[in-house]
N, C-alpha and C. Protein backbone atom coordinates (compact mmCIF):
# COMPACT_ATOMS: atom_id res chain seq x y z
N UNK A 1 45.69 -11.37 27.02
CA UNK A 1 47.04 -11.49 26.89
C UNK A 1 48.01 -10.36 27.25
N UNK A 2 47.59 -9.27 26.43
CA UNK A 2 47.96 -7.74 26.91
C UNK A 2 49.54 -7.38 26.94
N UNK A 3 50.32 -8.66 26.50
CA UNK A 3 51.78 -8.64 26.45
C UNK A 3 52.57 -8.66 27.91
N UNK A 4 51.60 -9.21 28.86
CA UNK A 4 52.37 -9.26 30.13
C UNK A 4 52.34 -10.76 30.81
N UNK A 5 51.70 -11.60 29.80
CA UNK A 5 51.71 -12.98 30.17
C UNK A 5 53.06 -13.60 30.35
N UNK A 6 53.31 -15.06 30.73
CA UNK A 6 54.57 -15.09 30.44
C UNK A 6 54.82 -16.26 29.44
N UNK A 7 56.01 -15.92 28.50
CA UNK A 7 56.42 -16.62 27.35
C UNK A 7 57.46 -17.30 27.32
N UNK A 8 57.41 -18.56 26.52
CA UNK A 8 58.47 -19.50 26.53
C UNK A 8 59.50 -18.79 25.48
N UNK A 9 59.25 -17.87 24.94
CA UNK A 9 60.13 -17.10 23.84
C UNK A 9 60.26 -15.68 24.03
N UNK A 10 60.92 -14.96 23.35
CA UNK A 10 61.18 -13.47 23.80
C UNK A 10 59.88 -12.84 22.89
N UNK A 11 59.39 -13.42 22.05
CA UNK A 11 58.20 -12.42 21.41
C UNK A 11 57.05 -13.32 21.12
N UNK A 12 55.93 -12.47 20.91
CA UNK A 12 54.57 -13.29 20.77
C UNK A 12 54.66 -13.58 19.28
N UNK A 13 53.91 -14.75 19.04
CA UNK A 13 53.66 -14.90 17.56
C UNK A 13 52.78 -13.90 16.80
N UNK A 14 52.67 -14.22 15.55
CA UNK A 14 51.92 -13.33 14.87
C UNK A 14 50.52 -13.89 14.88
N UNK A 15 50.15 -15.04 15.24
CA UNK A 15 49.01 -15.54 15.66
C UNK A 15 48.31 -15.11 16.93
N UNK A 16 49.61 -15.00 17.93
CA UNK A 16 48.80 -14.17 19.38
C UNK A 16 48.63 -12.84 19.13
N UNK A 17 49.39 -12.47 18.18
CA UNK A 17 49.06 -10.34 18.07
C UNK A 17 47.78 -10.66 17.18
N UNK A 18 47.48 -11.38 16.28
CA UNK A 18 45.93 -11.57 15.79
C UNK A 18 44.97 -11.83 16.77
N UNK A 19 45.20 -12.75 17.48
CA UNK A 19 44.19 -13.22 18.50
C UNK A 19 44.01 -12.01 19.40
N UNK A 20 45.14 -11.36 19.85
CA UNK A 20 44.92 -10.07 20.68
C UNK A 20 43.95 -8.91 19.96
N UNK A 21 44.23 -8.87 18.65
CA UNK A 21 43.52 -7.69 17.99
C UNK A 21 41.95 -8.32 17.70
N UNK A 22 41.62 -9.53 17.85
CA UNK A 22 40.34 -10.12 18.06
C UNK A 22 39.71 -9.57 19.03
N UNK A 23 40.45 -9.69 20.37
CA UNK A 23 39.68 -9.53 21.39
C UNK A 23 39.56 -8.07 21.81
N UNK A 24 40.18 -7.14 21.00
CA UNK A 24 39.84 -5.77 21.56
C UNK A 24 38.33 -5.44 21.31
N UNK A 25 38.06 -4.41 22.30
CA UNK A 25 36.83 -4.02 22.62
C UNK A 25 36.92 -2.84 21.95
N UNK A 26 35.66 -2.08 21.99
CA UNK A 26 35.33 -0.74 21.43
C UNK A 26 36.33 0.16 22.21
N UNK A 27 36.30 0.05 23.51
CA UNK A 27 37.14 1.10 24.18
C UNK A 27 38.40 0.97 23.98
N UNK A 28 38.98 -0.06 23.46
CA UNK A 28 40.66 -0.53 23.37
C UNK A 28 40.75 0.04 21.83
N UNK A 29 39.96 -0.17 20.99
CA UNK A 29 40.31 0.66 19.66
C UNK A 29 40.21 2.28 19.74
N UNK A 30 39.29 2.51 20.84
CA UNK A 30 39.37 3.86 21.29
C UNK A 30 40.85 4.42 21.63
N UNK A 31 41.26 3.59 22.41
CA UNK A 31 42.73 4.04 23.12
C UNK A 31 43.93 3.87 22.08
N UNK A 32 43.68 2.94 21.21
CA UNK A 32 44.68 2.93 20.00
C UNK A 32 44.62 4.15 19.24
N UNK A 33 43.33 4.52 18.88
CA UNK A 33 43.00 5.72 18.01
C UNK A 33 43.65 7.30 18.62
N UNK A 34 43.48 6.90 20.10
CA UNK A 34 43.94 8.13 20.89
C UNK A 34 45.30 8.32 20.91
N UNK A 35 46.29 7.12 21.18
CA UNK A 35 47.51 6.94 20.92
C UNK A 35 47.99 7.35 19.51
N UNK A 36 47.41 7.15 18.69
CA UNK A 36 47.84 7.54 17.07
C UNK A 36 47.50 8.87 17.07
N UNK A 37 46.56 9.71 17.75
CA UNK A 37 46.34 11.17 17.71
C UNK A 37 47.42 11.80 18.43
N UNK A 38 47.58 11.09 19.44
CA UNK A 38 48.63 11.81 20.22
C UNK A 38 50.12 11.79 19.21
N UNK A 39 50.57 10.81 18.88
CA UNK A 39 51.64 10.67 18.03
C UNK A 39 51.79 11.72 16.80
N UNK A 40 50.45 11.35 16.33
CA UNK A 40 50.25 12.68 15.04
C UNK A 40 50.31 13.88 15.28
N UNK A 41 49.78 14.48 16.52
CA UNK A 41 49.75 15.88 16.99
C UNK A 41 51.32 16.03 17.37
N UNK A 42 51.89 15.20 18.04
CA UNK A 42 53.54 15.34 18.21
C UNK A 42 54.13 15.53 17.08
N UNK A 43 54.00 15.13 15.98
CA UNK A 43 54.76 15.10 14.85
C UNK A 43 53.83 15.84 13.41
N UNK A 44 52.93 16.73 13.80
CA UNK A 44 52.62 17.48 13.10
C UNK A 44 51.64 16.93 11.94
N UNK A 45 51.14 15.63 12.00
CA UNK A 45 50.39 15.06 11.12
C UNK A 45 48.93 15.04 11.48
N UNK A 46 48.14 16.11 11.47
CA UNK A 46 46.66 16.22 11.76
C UNK A 46 46.08 15.24 10.63
N UNK A 47 44.93 14.86 11.24
CA UNK A 47 44.13 13.78 10.40
C UNK A 47 44.56 12.78 9.92
N UNK A 48 45.39 12.18 10.33
CA UNK A 48 46.03 11.04 9.57
C UNK A 48 45.87 9.69 11.02
N UNK A 49 45.30 10.03 12.00
CA UNK A 49 45.05 9.06 13.03
C UNK A 49 44.64 7.58 12.80
N UNK A 50 43.48 7.21 11.71
CA UNK A 50 43.15 6.21 11.64
C UNK A 50 44.07 5.31 10.70
N UNK A 51 44.61 6.18 9.49
CA UNK A 51 45.62 5.78 8.87
C UNK A 51 46.86 5.07 9.38
N UNK A 52 47.39 6.05 10.65
CA UNK A 52 48.50 5.46 11.27
C UNK A 52 48.32 3.97 12.21
N UNK A 53 47.06 4.01 12.82
CA UNK A 53 46.52 2.73 13.43
C UNK A 53 46.71 1.73 12.44
N UNK A 54 45.99 1.73 11.13
CA UNK A 54 46.19 0.78 10.12
C UNK A 54 47.47 0.17 9.85
N UNK A 55 48.24 1.56 9.69
CA UNK A 55 49.61 1.18 9.00
C UNK A 55 50.48 0.41 9.98
N UNK A 56 50.35 0.63 11.41
CA UNK A 56 50.76 0.02 12.68
C UNK A 56 50.65 -1.57 12.58
N UNK A 57 49.16 -1.93 12.20
CA UNK A 57 48.90 -3.24 12.42
C UNK A 57 49.55 -4.09 11.26
N UNK A 58 49.55 -3.10 10.03
CA UNK A 58 50.07 -3.87 8.72
C UNK A 58 51.55 -4.09 8.95
N UNK A 59 52.46 -3.24 9.61
CA UNK A 59 53.91 -3.28 10.01
C UNK A 59 53.93 -4.41 10.82
N UNK A 60 52.92 -4.66 11.73
CA UNK A 60 53.33 -6.10 12.66
C UNK A 60 53.00 -7.25 11.78
N UNK A 61 52.19 -7.17 11.12
CA UNK A 61 51.97 -8.36 10.33
C UNK A 61 53.17 -8.70 9.11
N UNK A 62 53.59 -7.41 8.38
CA UNK A 62 54.65 -7.67 7.60
C UNK A 62 55.85 -8.12 8.36
N UNK A 63 55.85 -7.51 9.57
CA UNK A 63 57.14 -7.81 10.31
C UNK A 63 57.49 -9.56 10.45
N UNK A 64 56.24 -10.20 10.22
CA UNK A 64 56.52 -11.46 10.56
C UNK A 64 57.60 -12.29 9.79
N UNK A 65 57.74 -11.75 8.53
CA UNK A 65 58.58 -12.17 7.50
C UNK A 65 59.85 -11.80 7.65
N UNK A 66 60.09 -10.49 7.96
CA UNK A 66 61.31 -9.92 8.13
C UNK A 66 62.07 -10.04 9.52
N UNK A 67 61.34 -10.16 10.65
CA UNK A 67 61.65 -10.06 11.92
C UNK A 67 61.65 -8.68 12.55
N UNK A 68 60.78 -8.12 11.40
CA UNK A 68 60.79 -6.76 12.33
C UNK A 68 59.60 -6.57 12.93
N UNK A 69 59.31 -5.35 13.84
CA UNK A 69 58.14 -5.11 14.65
C UNK A 69 57.50 -6.24 15.14
N UNK A 70 58.14 -7.25 16.18
CA UNK A 70 57.69 -8.05 16.66
C UNK A 70 57.46 -7.79 18.16
N UNK A 71 56.39 -8.32 18.91
CA UNK A 71 55.81 -7.94 19.85
C UNK A 71 56.68 -8.46 21.01
N UNK A 72 57.42 -7.75 21.91
CA UNK A 72 58.03 -8.39 23.02
C UNK A 72 57.25 -9.13 23.96
N UNK A 73 57.25 -10.39 24.51
CA UNK A 73 56.40 -10.75 25.47
C UNK A 73 56.48 -10.00 26.79
N UNK A 74 57.53 -9.43 27.04
CA UNK A 74 57.28 -8.54 28.66
C UNK A 74 56.76 -7.14 28.14
N UNK A 75 56.58 -7.03 27.13
CA UNK A 75 55.83 -5.57 26.68
C UNK A 75 54.28 -5.81 26.59
N UNK A 76 53.62 -4.69 27.04
CA UNK A 76 52.16 -4.24 27.33
C UNK A 76 51.56 -4.09 26.03
N UNK A 77 50.69 -4.57 25.31
CA UNK A 77 50.05 -4.76 23.89
C UNK A 77 50.14 -2.79 23.33
N UNK A 78 49.62 -2.12 24.50
CA UNK A 78 49.25 -0.77 23.90
C UNK A 78 50.68 0.00 24.07
N UNK A 79 51.49 -0.46 24.68
CA UNK A 79 52.86 0.14 24.80
C UNK A 79 53.65 0.00 23.49
N UNK A 80 53.46 -1.31 23.00
CA UNK A 80 53.92 -1.76 22.03
C UNK A 80 53.41 -1.49 20.68
N UNK A 81 51.96 -1.08 20.61
CA UNK A 81 51.50 -0.28 19.64
C UNK A 81 51.90 0.91 19.44
N UNK A 82 51.77 1.52 20.67
CA UNK A 82 52.28 3.05 20.78
C UNK A 82 53.55 3.22 20.26
N UNK A 83 54.60 2.37 20.69
CA UNK A 83 55.78 2.52 20.03
C UNK A 83 55.76 2.45 18.37
N UNK A 84 55.07 1.43 17.86
CA UNK A 84 55.13 1.27 16.25
C UNK A 84 54.36 2.61 15.73
N UNK A 85 53.52 3.13 16.45
CA UNK A 85 52.68 4.40 15.85
C UNK A 85 53.77 5.52 15.89
N UNK A 86 54.44 5.40 17.16
CA UNK A 86 55.40 6.92 17.24
C UNK A 86 56.48 6.64 15.81
N UNK A 87 56.77 5.51 15.71
CA UNK A 87 57.76 5.27 14.80
C UNK A 87 57.41 5.72 13.57
N UNK A 88 56.00 5.32 13.13
CA UNK A 88 55.61 5.70 11.90
C UNK A 88 55.52 7.20 11.72
N UNK A 89 54.86 8.20 12.69
CA UNK A 89 54.65 9.36 12.74
C UNK A 89 56.01 10.11 12.62
N UNK A 90 56.98 9.51 13.11
CA UNK A 90 58.19 10.42 13.27
C UNK A 90 58.77 10.07 11.91
N UNK A 91 58.73 8.99 11.41
CA UNK A 91 59.14 8.75 9.88
C UNK A 91 58.56 9.54 8.89
N UNK A 92 57.20 9.67 9.04
CA UNK A 92 56.55 10.44 8.12
C UNK A 92 56.67 11.81 7.83
N UNK A 93 56.86 12.39 9.51
CA UNK A 93 57.36 13.72 9.56
C UNK A 93 58.71 14.04 9.00
N UNK A 94 59.61 13.35 9.17
CA UNK A 94 60.98 13.68 8.55
C UNK A 94 60.98 13.48 7.10
N UNK A 95 60.24 12.38 6.58
CA UNK A 95 60.25 12.29 4.86
C UNK A 95 59.47 13.26 4.31
N UNK A 96 58.48 13.78 5.08
CA UNK A 96 57.51 14.77 4.32
C UNK A 96 56.28 13.97 3.63
N UNK A 97 55.90 12.66 4.45
CA UNK A 97 54.59 12.21 3.90
C UNK A 97 53.53 12.82 3.76
N UNK A 98 52.84 12.59 2.80
CA UNK A 98 51.70 13.54 2.55
C UNK A 98 50.44 12.67 2.46
N UNK A 99 49.38 13.16 3.42
CA UNK A 99 48.21 12.22 3.58
C UNK A 99 47.37 12.03 2.47
N UNK A 100 47.04 11.14 1.92
CA UNK A 100 46.08 11.20 0.64
C UNK A 100 46.73 11.40 -0.53
N UNK A 101 48.03 11.76 -0.63
CA UNK A 101 48.73 12.01 -2.03
C UNK A 101 49.80 10.77 -2.06
N UNK A 102 50.51 10.46 -0.93
CA UNK A 102 51.53 9.36 -1.04
C UNK A 102 50.84 8.05 -0.63
N UNK A 103 51.05 7.14 -1.63
CA UNK A 103 50.38 5.82 -1.22
C UNK A 103 51.28 5.19 0.15
N UNK A 104 52.50 5.12 0.26
CA UNK A 104 53.24 4.57 1.45
C UNK A 104 54.61 5.47 1.37
N UNK A 105 55.59 5.06 2.36
CA UNK A 105 56.62 5.82 2.55
C UNK A 105 57.46 5.96 1.24
N UNK A 106 57.66 5.05 0.75
CA UNK A 106 58.59 4.98 -0.68
C UNK A 106 58.27 6.36 -1.55
N UNK A 107 56.85 6.57 -1.22
CA UNK A 107 56.66 7.44 -2.48
C UNK A 107 56.87 9.24 -1.96
N UNK A 108 56.98 9.23 -0.56
CA UNK A 108 57.05 10.41 -0.02
C UNK A 108 58.60 10.96 -0.33
N UNK A 109 58.42 12.46 -0.50
CA UNK A 109 59.63 13.17 -0.81
C UNK A 109 60.52 13.42 0.48
N UNK A 110 62.06 13.26 0.11
CA UNK A 110 62.70 13.45 1.42
C UNK A 110 62.88 14.68 1.51
N UNK A 111 62.28 15.21 2.48
CA UNK A 111 62.39 16.73 3.14
C UNK A 111 62.80 16.56 4.69
N UNK A 112 63.85 16.13 5.13
CA UNK A 112 64.10 16.37 6.44
C UNK A 112 63.82 17.72 6.76
N UNK A 113 63.29 17.92 7.88
CA UNK A 113 63.51 19.23 8.37
C UNK A 113 63.96 19.55 9.81
N UNK A 114 64.90 20.68 9.64
CA UNK A 114 66.03 20.98 10.46
C UNK A 114 65.53 22.10 11.37
N UNK A 115 64.34 22.53 11.16
CA UNK A 115 63.60 23.64 11.76
C UNK A 115 63.33 23.07 13.35
N UNK A 116 64.02 23.87 14.15
CA UNK A 116 63.78 23.23 15.82
C UNK A 116 62.36 23.63 16.12
N UNK A 117 61.74 22.90 16.65
CA UNK A 117 60.14 23.09 17.44
C UNK A 117 60.68 24.12 18.18
N UNK A 118 59.21 24.72 18.40
CA UNK A 118 59.05 25.98 19.46
C UNK A 118 59.33 25.30 20.94
N UNK A 119 59.69 26.31 21.39
CA UNK A 119 59.99 26.12 23.33
C UNK A 119 58.22 25.85 23.69
N UNK A 120 57.69 26.68 23.36
CA UNK A 120 56.27 25.91 23.91
C UNK A 120 55.88 24.67 23.74
N UNK A 121 56.14 24.28 22.46
CA UNK A 121 55.71 22.70 21.94
C UNK A 121 56.45 21.58 22.89
N UNK A 122 57.72 22.23 23.16
CA UNK A 122 58.56 21.22 23.73
C UNK A 122 58.28 21.30 25.09
N UNK A 123 57.68 22.39 25.85
CA UNK A 123 57.29 22.41 27.09
C UNK A 123 56.04 21.79 26.96
N UNK A 124 55.04 21.92 26.35
CA UNK A 124 53.80 21.50 26.17
C UNK A 124 54.13 19.58 26.19
N UNK A 125 54.98 19.13 25.31
CA UNK A 125 55.26 17.87 25.28
C UNK A 125 55.76 17.19 26.69
N UNK A 126 56.66 18.01 27.32
CA UNK A 126 57.05 17.58 28.48
C UNK A 126 56.19 17.24 29.50
N UNK A 127 55.48 18.18 29.53
CA UNK A 127 53.99 18.34 30.73
C UNK A 127 53.33 17.42 30.49
N UNK A 128 52.96 16.91 29.09
CA UNK A 128 52.20 15.98 28.93
C UNK A 128 52.69 14.66 29.18
N UNK A 129 53.80 14.42 28.76
CA UNK A 129 54.23 12.88 29.27
C UNK A 129 54.78 12.71 30.84
N UNK A 130 54.86 14.02 31.56
CA UNK A 130 54.84 13.79 32.86
C UNK A 130 53.45 13.37 33.65
N UNK A 131 52.51 14.10 33.00
CA UNK A 131 51.28 13.99 33.31
C UNK A 131 50.63 12.20 33.09
N UNK A 132 51.17 12.18 31.76
CA UNK A 132 50.47 10.63 31.46
C UNK A 132 51.33 9.50 32.38
N UNK A 133 52.55 9.91 32.83
CA UNK A 133 53.32 9.05 33.60
C UNK A 133 52.62 8.84 35.02
N UNK A 134 51.86 9.86 35.50
CA UNK A 134 51.25 9.72 36.84
C UNK A 134 50.10 8.84 36.58
N UNK A 135 49.80 8.22 35.42
CA UNK A 135 48.54 7.40 35.41
C UNK A 135 49.08 6.07 34.54
N UNK A 136 50.29 5.62 34.83
CA UNK A 136 50.64 4.47 34.17
C UNK A 136 49.82 3.34 34.42
N UNK A 137 49.04 3.19 35.59
CA UNK A 137 48.47 2.11 35.79
C UNK A 137 47.01 2.21 35.67
N UNK A 138 46.76 3.59 35.26
CA UNK A 138 45.17 3.88 34.74
C UNK A 138 44.88 4.03 33.53
N UNK A 139 44.60 2.94 32.67
CA UNK A 139 44.52 3.13 31.31
C UNK A 139 43.36 3.99 30.79
N UNK A 140 42.25 4.01 31.68
CA UNK A 140 41.08 4.79 31.17
C UNK A 140 41.55 6.65 31.54
N UNK A 141 42.12 6.69 32.52
CA UNK A 141 42.69 8.12 32.79
C UNK A 141 43.34 8.58 31.86
N UNK A 142 44.29 7.74 31.24
CA UNK A 142 45.22 8.17 30.20
C UNK A 142 44.54 8.55 28.87
N UNK A 143 43.73 7.59 28.71
CA UNK A 143 42.75 7.78 27.62
C UNK A 143 41.93 9.12 27.56
N UNK A 144 41.47 9.28 28.61
CA UNK A 144 40.98 11.00 29.15
C UNK A 144 41.63 12.02 28.77
N UNK A 145 42.79 11.95 29.33
CA UNK A 145 43.83 12.82 29.31
C UNK A 145 44.30 13.16 27.66
N UNK A 146 44.26 11.99 27.07
CA UNK A 146 44.96 12.26 25.70
C UNK A 146 43.63 12.83 24.79
N UNK A 147 42.45 12.37 25.03
CA UNK A 147 41.50 12.79 24.28
C UNK A 147 41.36 14.35 24.75
N UNK A 148 41.47 14.79 26.25
CA UNK A 148 41.67 16.25 26.51
C UNK A 148 42.50 16.90 25.68
N UNK A 149 43.70 16.45 25.68
CA UNK A 149 44.65 17.15 24.92
C UNK A 149 44.57 17.33 23.43
N UNK A 150 43.39 16.65 22.84
CA UNK A 150 42.87 16.86 21.38
C UNK A 150 41.87 17.82 21.37
N UNK A 151 41.48 18.16 22.61
CA UNK A 151 39.93 19.21 22.61
C UNK A 151 38.86 18.48 22.27
N UNK A 152 38.84 17.23 22.80
CA UNK A 152 37.72 16.08 22.57
C UNK A 152 36.79 16.51 23.78
N UNK A 153 35.61 16.59 23.28
CA UNK A 153 34.45 16.93 24.15
C UNK A 153 33.90 15.76 25.02
N UNK A 154 33.12 16.32 26.17
CA UNK A 154 32.84 15.08 27.05
C UNK A 154 31.74 14.20 26.08
N UNK A 155 31.11 14.69 25.38
CA UNK A 155 30.11 13.94 24.53
C UNK A 155 30.83 13.06 23.57
N UNK A 156 31.75 13.58 22.80
CA UNK A 156 32.69 12.49 21.89
C UNK A 156 33.32 11.71 22.79
N UNK A 157 33.88 12.05 23.87
CA UNK A 157 34.50 11.06 24.61
C UNK A 157 33.60 9.86 25.04
N UNK A 158 32.39 10.31 25.51
CA UNK A 158 31.50 9.35 25.76
C UNK A 158 31.12 8.28 24.75
N UNK A 159 30.88 8.89 23.53
CA UNK A 159 30.61 8.28 22.15
C UNK A 159 31.83 7.36 21.81
N UNK A 160 33.12 7.89 22.13
CA UNK A 160 33.93 7.06 21.87
C UNK A 160 34.34 5.61 22.47
N UNK A 161 34.34 6.00 23.92
CA UNK A 161 34.49 4.98 24.95
C UNK A 161 33.32 3.97 25.31
N UNK A 162 32.15 4.86 25.00
CA UNK A 162 30.92 3.69 25.26
C UNK A 162 30.64 3.82 26.77
N UNK A 163 31.31 4.95 27.54
CA UNK A 163 31.09 5.12 28.83
C UNK A 163 29.63 5.74 29.20
N UNK A 164 29.06 5.64 30.31
CA UNK A 164 27.95 6.50 30.71
C UNK A 164 28.80 7.58 31.58
N UNK A 165 27.89 8.70 31.69
CA UNK A 165 28.15 9.86 32.52
C UNK A 165 28.69 9.66 33.65
N UNK A 166 28.44 8.65 34.71
CA UNK A 166 28.82 8.31 35.63
C UNK A 166 30.28 7.73 35.69
N UNK A 167 30.60 6.83 34.73
CA UNK A 167 32.05 6.54 34.50
C UNK A 167 32.67 7.51 34.24
N UNK A 168 32.40 8.25 33.49
CA UNK A 168 33.19 9.64 32.84
C UNK A 168 33.68 10.37 34.21
N UNK A 169 32.84 10.78 34.77
CA UNK A 169 32.74 11.28 36.14
C UNK A 169 33.86 10.99 37.08
N UNK A 170 33.73 9.58 37.15
CA UNK A 170 34.51 8.67 37.92
C UNK A 170 35.78 8.97 37.66
N UNK A 171 36.07 8.69 36.16
CA UNK A 171 37.56 8.64 35.60
C UNK A 171 38.12 10.44 36.09
N UNK A 172 37.00 11.26 35.71
CA UNK A 172 37.37 12.64 35.63
C UNK A 172 37.86 13.11 37.21
N UNK A 173 37.02 12.57 38.15
CA UNK A 173 37.64 12.71 39.58
C UNK A 173 38.94 12.26 39.91
N UNK A 174 39.18 10.75 39.37
CA UNK A 174 40.61 10.15 39.95
C UNK A 174 41.55 11.32 39.27
N UNK A 175 41.59 11.78 37.90
CA UNK A 175 42.43 12.47 37.45
C UNK A 175 42.53 13.99 38.58
N UNK A 176 41.48 14.46 38.96
CA UNK A 176 41.49 15.60 39.62
C UNK A 176 42.23 15.39 40.96
N UNK A 177 41.77 14.45 41.69
CA UNK A 177 42.66 13.77 42.92
C UNK A 177 43.91 13.94 42.75
N UNK A 178 44.51 12.89 41.56
CA UNK A 178 45.86 13.12 41.36
C UNK A 178 46.61 14.55 41.08
N UNK A 179 45.90 15.22 40.54
CA UNK A 179 46.45 16.45 40.16
C UNK A 179 46.57 17.24 41.23
N UNK A 180 45.69 17.23 42.22
CA UNK A 180 45.92 17.95 43.72
C UNK A 180 46.84 17.32 44.32
N UNK A 181 47.42 16.24 43.94
CA UNK A 181 48.42 15.67 44.88
C UNK A 181 49.81 16.39 44.22
N UNK A 182 49.65 16.76 43.14
CA UNK A 182 51.04 17.37 42.34
C UNK A 182 50.69 18.67 42.22
N UNK A 183 50.90 19.72 43.01
CA UNK A 183 50.68 21.14 42.95
C UNK A 183 51.58 21.62 41.81
N UNK A 184 52.75 20.85 41.66
CA UNK A 184 53.93 21.56 40.45
C UNK A 184 52.95 21.37 39.23
N UNK A 185 52.06 20.63 38.99
CA UNK A 185 51.68 20.77 37.49
C UNK A 185 50.50 21.92 37.35
N UNK A 186 50.61 22.86 38.27
CA UNK A 186 49.58 23.97 37.95
C UNK A 186 50.28 24.88 37.42
N UNK A 187 51.59 24.95 37.94
CA UNK A 187 52.30 25.94 37.37
C UNK A 187 52.84 25.45 35.84
N UNK A 188 53.00 24.22 35.53
CA UNK A 188 53.11 23.71 34.08
C UNK A 188 52.13 24.06 33.11
N UNK A 189 51.07 23.89 33.72
CA UNK A 189 49.82 24.01 33.01
C UNK A 189 49.28 25.31 32.25
């Protein structure tokens, strides 16, 4: 399904969401964790990756009753989940959510930070977003780039994705070819 099938309505049903979760393979779960790790890192929430994935799934199920967090039919499943996880990590950062201390968002102290992000962090975010946009149609390359941005080793990537060394090298070469087509990235990296 992946959110690109034609629908008679504007949003998938909760049963369709549940069915999509049931079809996820190990590599798909690894991609969700990589997306979560990306948003956690962007919002200074180190080591909350798995919690954010579970919270995103919970919010979609809870949204059935409230009408919030519905999966639009025209949106890819991973793009939808990425948006939910981005929202969660952004809220947690703004509210001062403390991992393993606060049970849910209501327990978190309200400590909105007005401190600006360092310029280097903003530049790194822009470069990463630009780089990922070059691979909009290549989920494997995006997964590898996000893993690399987290300093994940080749061995860890192979274990996380269940790829063999040949598959890893094929994806790495696709990334390298794309980078060779965009010399402006060399100055940014």
